[in-house]
Amino acid sequence: MAKTTNSPMLTRREVAEIADVALSALDKAIEQGVVTVQRRLNASWLRSDDVGVVVLLQKAGLPLPLKVKRQVRRWVRD
């Protein structure tokens, strides 16, 4: 699969709803730098690619080191 360079952007709430995860879990992923956020027009926007990252990490049910979480992000995006 080719890298997505112009991935559609979604709000934090949209990502949390689509991924079926708590907003607090998404906020933690943002704080840890697992997913990146862009701030525009008083809102936080995430790449749509990051929905898969959030789902995988949340549903894994395992405490993973930050380094592994970032590797998962790279794997999903690539």
N, C-alpha and C. Protein backbone atom coordinates (compact mmCIF):
# COMPACT_ATOMS: atom_id res chain seq x y z
N MET A 1 0.84 -1.17 0.00
CA MET A 1 0.00 0.00 0.00
C MET A 1 0.89 1.24 0.00
N ALA A 2 0.58 2.19 -0.80
CA ALA A 2 1.36 3.41 -0.91
C ALA A 2 1.12 4.32 0.28
N LYS A 3 2.13 5.09 0.60
CA LYS A 3 1.97 6.06 1.68
C LYS A 3 0.92 7.10 1.31
N THR A 4 0.13 7.47 2.31
CA THR A 4 -0.88 8.51 2.10
C THR A 4 -0.29 9.83 2.51
N THR A 5 -0.11 10.72 1.56
CA THR A 5 0.49 12.00 1.88
C THR A 5 -0.57 13.06 2.18
N ASN A 6 -1.70 12.96 1.54
CA ASN A 6 -2.78 13.92 1.76
C ASN A 6 -3.97 13.25 2.40
N SER A 7 -3.73 12.68 3.54
CA SER A 7 -4.77 11.98 4.27
C SER A 7 -5.82 12.97 4.77
N PRO A 8 -7.11 12.63 4.66
CA PRO A 8 -8.15 13.53 5.20
C PRO A 8 -7.96 13.73 6.69
N MET A 9 -8.38 14.87 7.16
CA MET A 9 -8.23 15.21 8.57
C MET A 9 -9.56 15.04 9.30
N LEU A 10 -9.48 14.59 10.54
CA LEU A 10 -10.65 14.40 11.38
C LEU A 10 -10.42 15.07 12.73
N THR A 11 -11.50 15.48 13.39
CA THR A 11 -11.37 16.05 14.73
C THR A 11 -11.10 14.94 15.73
N ARG A 12 -10.66 15.32 16.92
CA ARG A 12 -10.43 14.35 17.99
C ARG A 12 -11.69 13.56 18.28
N ARG A 13 -12.79 14.24 18.37
CA ARG A 13 -14.07 13.57 18.68
C ARG A 13 -14.46 12.59 17.58
N GLU A 14 -14.25 12.96 16.33
CA GLU A 14 -14.57 12.06 15.22
C GLU A 14 -13.71 10.79 15.28
N VAL A 15 -12.42 10.97 15.54
CA VAL A 15 -11.52 9.82 15.63
C VAL A 15 -11.94 8.92 16.79
N ALA A 16 -12.24 9.50 17.94
CA ALA A 16 -12.67 8.71 19.09
C ALA A 16 -13.95 7.95 18.79
N GLU A 17 -14.88 8.57 18.10
CA GLU A 17 -16.15 7.92 17.76
C GLU A 17 -15.94 6.80 16.75
N ILE A 18 -15.18 7.06 15.70
CA ILE A 18 -14.94 6.04 14.67
C ILE A 18 -14.17 4.86 15.24
N ALA A 19 -13.17 5.15 16.06
CA ALA A 19 -12.32 4.10 16.63
C ALA A 19 -12.98 3.40 17.82
N ASP A 20 -14.09 3.97 18.29
CA ASP A 20 -14.79 3.42 19.45
C ASP A 20 -13.88 3.34 20.68
N VAL A 21 -13.19 4.44 20.93
CA VAL A 21 -12.32 4.54 22.11
C VAL A 21 -12.71 5.80 22.88
N ALA A 22 -12.36 5.80 24.14
CA ALA A 22 -12.64 6.97 24.97
C ALA A 22 -11.77 8.14 24.52
N LEU A 23 -12.31 9.33 24.63
CA LEU A 23 -11.57 10.53 24.26
C LEU A 23 -10.30 10.65 25.11
N SER A 24 -10.37 10.20 26.35
CA SER A 24 -9.19 10.26 27.22
C SER A 24 -8.07 9.35 26.71
N ALA A 25 -8.43 8.20 26.13
CA ALA A 25 -7.41 7.30 25.56
C ALA A 25 -6.76 7.94 24.35
N LEU A 26 -7.56 8.63 23.56
CA LEU A 26 -7.02 9.33 22.39
C LEU A 26 -6.11 10.47 22.84
N ASP A 27 -6.54 11.20 23.86
CA ASP A 27 -5.72 12.29 24.38
C ASP A 27 -4.37 11.78 24.89
N LYS A 28 -4.38 10.61 25.51
CA LYS A 28 -3.12 10.02 25.99
C LYS A 28 -2.20 9.70 24.82
N ALA A 29 -2.77 9.16 23.75
CA ALA A 29 -1.96 8.85 22.56
C ALA A 29 -1.37 10.12 21.96
N ILE A 30 -2.13 11.21 22.01
CA ILE A 30 -1.63 12.49 21.51
C ILE A 30 -0.50 12.99 22.40
N GLU A 31 -0.70 12.93 23.72
CA GLU A 31 0.32 13.39 24.67
C GLU A 31 1.61 12.60 24.52
N GLN A 32 1.51 11.31 24.26
CA GLN A 32 2.69 10.45 24.13
C GLN A 32 3.37 10.60 22.77
N GLY A 33 2.72 11.31 21.85
CA GLY A 33 3.30 11.47 20.52
C GLY A 33 3.09 10.27 19.63
N VAL A 34 2.16 9.39 20.01
CA VAL A 34 1.88 8.22 19.20
C VAL A 34 1.12 8.64 17.95
N VAL A 35 0.20 9.55 18.08
CA VAL A 35 -0.49 10.16 16.94
C VAL A 35 -0.22 11.65 16.99
N THR A 36 -0.18 12.26 15.84
CA THR A 36 0.12 13.68 15.77
C THR A 36 -1.17 14.48 15.56
N VAL A 37 -1.15 15.67 16.07
CA VAL A 37 -2.33 16.53 15.98
C VAL A 37 -1.91 17.87 15.37
N GLN A 38 -2.81 18.42 14.60
CA GLN A 38 -2.60 19.76 14.05
C GLN A 38 -3.71 20.63 14.60
N ARG A 39 -3.37 21.81 15.05
CA ARG A 39 -4.37 22.71 15.60
C ARG A 39 -4.71 23.77 14.56
N ARG A 40 -5.99 23.80 14.19
CA ARG A 40 -6.49 24.79 13.23
C ARG A 40 -7.89 25.22 13.64
N LEU A 41 -8.14 26.52 13.52
CA LEU A 41 -9.47 27.06 13.78
C LEU A 41 -10.05 26.58 15.11
N ASN A 42 -9.26 26.70 16.17
CA ASN A 42 -9.68 26.33 17.52
C ASN A 42 -10.09 24.87 17.65
N ALA A 43 -9.56 24.00 16.83
CA ALA A 43 -9.86 22.58 16.90
C ALA A 43 -8.58 21.77 16.69
N SER A 44 -8.57 20.57 17.19
CA SER A 44 -7.45 19.66 17.01
C SER A 44 -7.83 18.66 15.93
N TRP A 45 -6.97 18.53 14.92
CA TRP A 45 -7.23 17.66 13.79
C TRP A 45 -6.18 16.56 13.72
N LEU A 46 -6.61 15.35 13.39
CA LEU A 46 -5.72 14.22 13.25
C LEU A 46 -5.86 13.64 11.85
N ARG A 47 -4.82 12.98 11.39
CA ARG A 47 -4.87 12.30 10.10
C ARG A 47 -5.82 11.13 10.20
N SER A 48 -6.56 10.87 9.17
CA SER A 48 -7.48 9.73 9.18
C SER A 48 -6.73 8.41 9.31
N ASP A 49 -5.47 8.38 8.88
CA ASP A 49 -4.63 7.18 9.03
C ASP A 49 -4.49 6.78 10.49
N ASP A 50 -4.57 7.76 11.38
CA ASP A 50 -4.35 7.49 12.79
C ASP A 50 -5.51 6.77 13.46
N VAL A 51 -6.66 6.67 12.79
CA VAL A 51 -7.79 5.92 13.34
C VAL A 51 -7.36 4.46 13.53
N GLY A 52 -6.73 3.89 12.52
CA GLY A 52 -6.26 2.51 12.60
C GLY A 52 -5.24 2.31 13.70
N VAL A 53 -4.37 3.28 13.87
CA VAL A 53 -3.36 3.21 14.92
C VAL A 53 -4.04 3.15 16.29
N VAL A 54 -4.98 4.05 16.50
CA VAL A 54 -5.68 4.13 17.79
C VAL A 54 -6.44 2.83 18.06
N VAL A 55 -7.12 2.32 17.04
CA VAL A 55 -7.88 1.07 17.22
C VAL A 55 -6.95 -0.08 17.59
N LEU A 56 -5.88 -0.25 16.85
CA LEU A 56 -4.94 -1.35 17.13
C LEU A 56 -4.38 -1.28 18.54
N LEU A 57 -3.95 -0.10 18.94
CA LEU A 57 -3.35 0.04 20.26
C LEU A 57 -4.36 -0.13 21.38
N GLN A 58 -5.55 0.40 21.21
CA GLN A 58 -6.57 0.31 22.24
C GLN A 58 -7.11 -1.11 22.38
N LYS A 59 -7.36 -1.75 21.27
CA LYS A 59 -7.96 -3.09 21.30
C LYS A 59 -6.95 -4.20 21.60
N ALA A 60 -5.66 -3.89 21.53
CA ALA A 60 -4.64 -4.89 21.82
C ALA A 60 -4.76 -5.37 23.27
N GLY A 61 -5.14 -4.46 24.15
CA GLY A 61 -5.33 -4.83 25.55
C GLY A 61 -4.05 -5.14 26.28
N LEU A 62 -2.93 -4.73 25.73
CA LEU A 62 -1.63 -4.97 26.34
C LEU A 62 -0.93 -3.65 26.62
N PRO A 63 -0.26 -3.55 27.75
CA PRO A 63 0.55 -2.35 27.98
C PRO A 63 1.82 -2.44 27.12
N LEU A 64 1.93 -1.55 26.16
CA LEU A 64 3.07 -1.56 25.24
C LEU A 64 3.99 -0.39 25.54
N PRO A 65 5.28 -0.59 25.38
CA PRO A 65 6.21 0.53 25.52
C PRO A 65 5.96 1.57 24.44
N LEU A 66 6.29 2.79 24.74
CA LEU A 66 6.09 3.90 23.81
C LEU A 66 6.78 3.65 22.47
N LYS A 67 7.96 3.10 22.51
CA LYS A 67 8.70 2.80 21.28
C LYS A 67 7.91 1.85 20.39
N VAL A 68 7.28 0.86 20.96
CA VAL A 68 6.49 -0.11 20.19
C VAL A 68 5.25 0.57 19.62
N LYS A 69 4.63 1.44 20.40
CA LYS A 69 3.45 2.17 19.92
C LYS A 69 3.79 3.00 18.70
N ARG A 70 4.95 3.63 18.72
CA ARG A 70 5.36 4.44 17.58
C ARG A 70 5.71 3.57 16.38
N GLN A 71 6.23 2.37 16.63
CA GLN A 71 6.51 1.44 15.54
C GLN A 71 5.20 0.98 14.90
N VAL A 72 4.18 0.77 15.71
CA VAL A 72 2.86 0.41 15.18
C VAL A 72 2.35 1.52 14.30
N ARG A 73 2.52 2.78 14.73
CA ARG A 73 2.08 3.92 13.92
C ARG A 73 2.77 3.92 12.56
N ARG A 74 4.08 3.73 12.55
CA ARG A 74 4.81 3.69 11.29
C ARG A 74 4.33 2.54 10.40
N TRP A 75 4.09 1.39 11.00
CA TRP A 75 3.63 0.23 10.25
C TRP A 75 2.26 0.50 9.62
N VAL A 76 1.35 1.08 10.38
CA VAL A 76 0.01 1.36 9.86
C VAL A 76 0.08 2.41 8.76
N ARG A 77 0.84 3.45 8.94
CA ARG A 77 0.94 4.51 7.94
C ARG A 77 1.62 4.05 6.66
N ASP A 78 2.55 3.13 6.78
CA ASP A 78 3.25 2.64 5.58
C ASP A 78 2.43 1.58 4.89
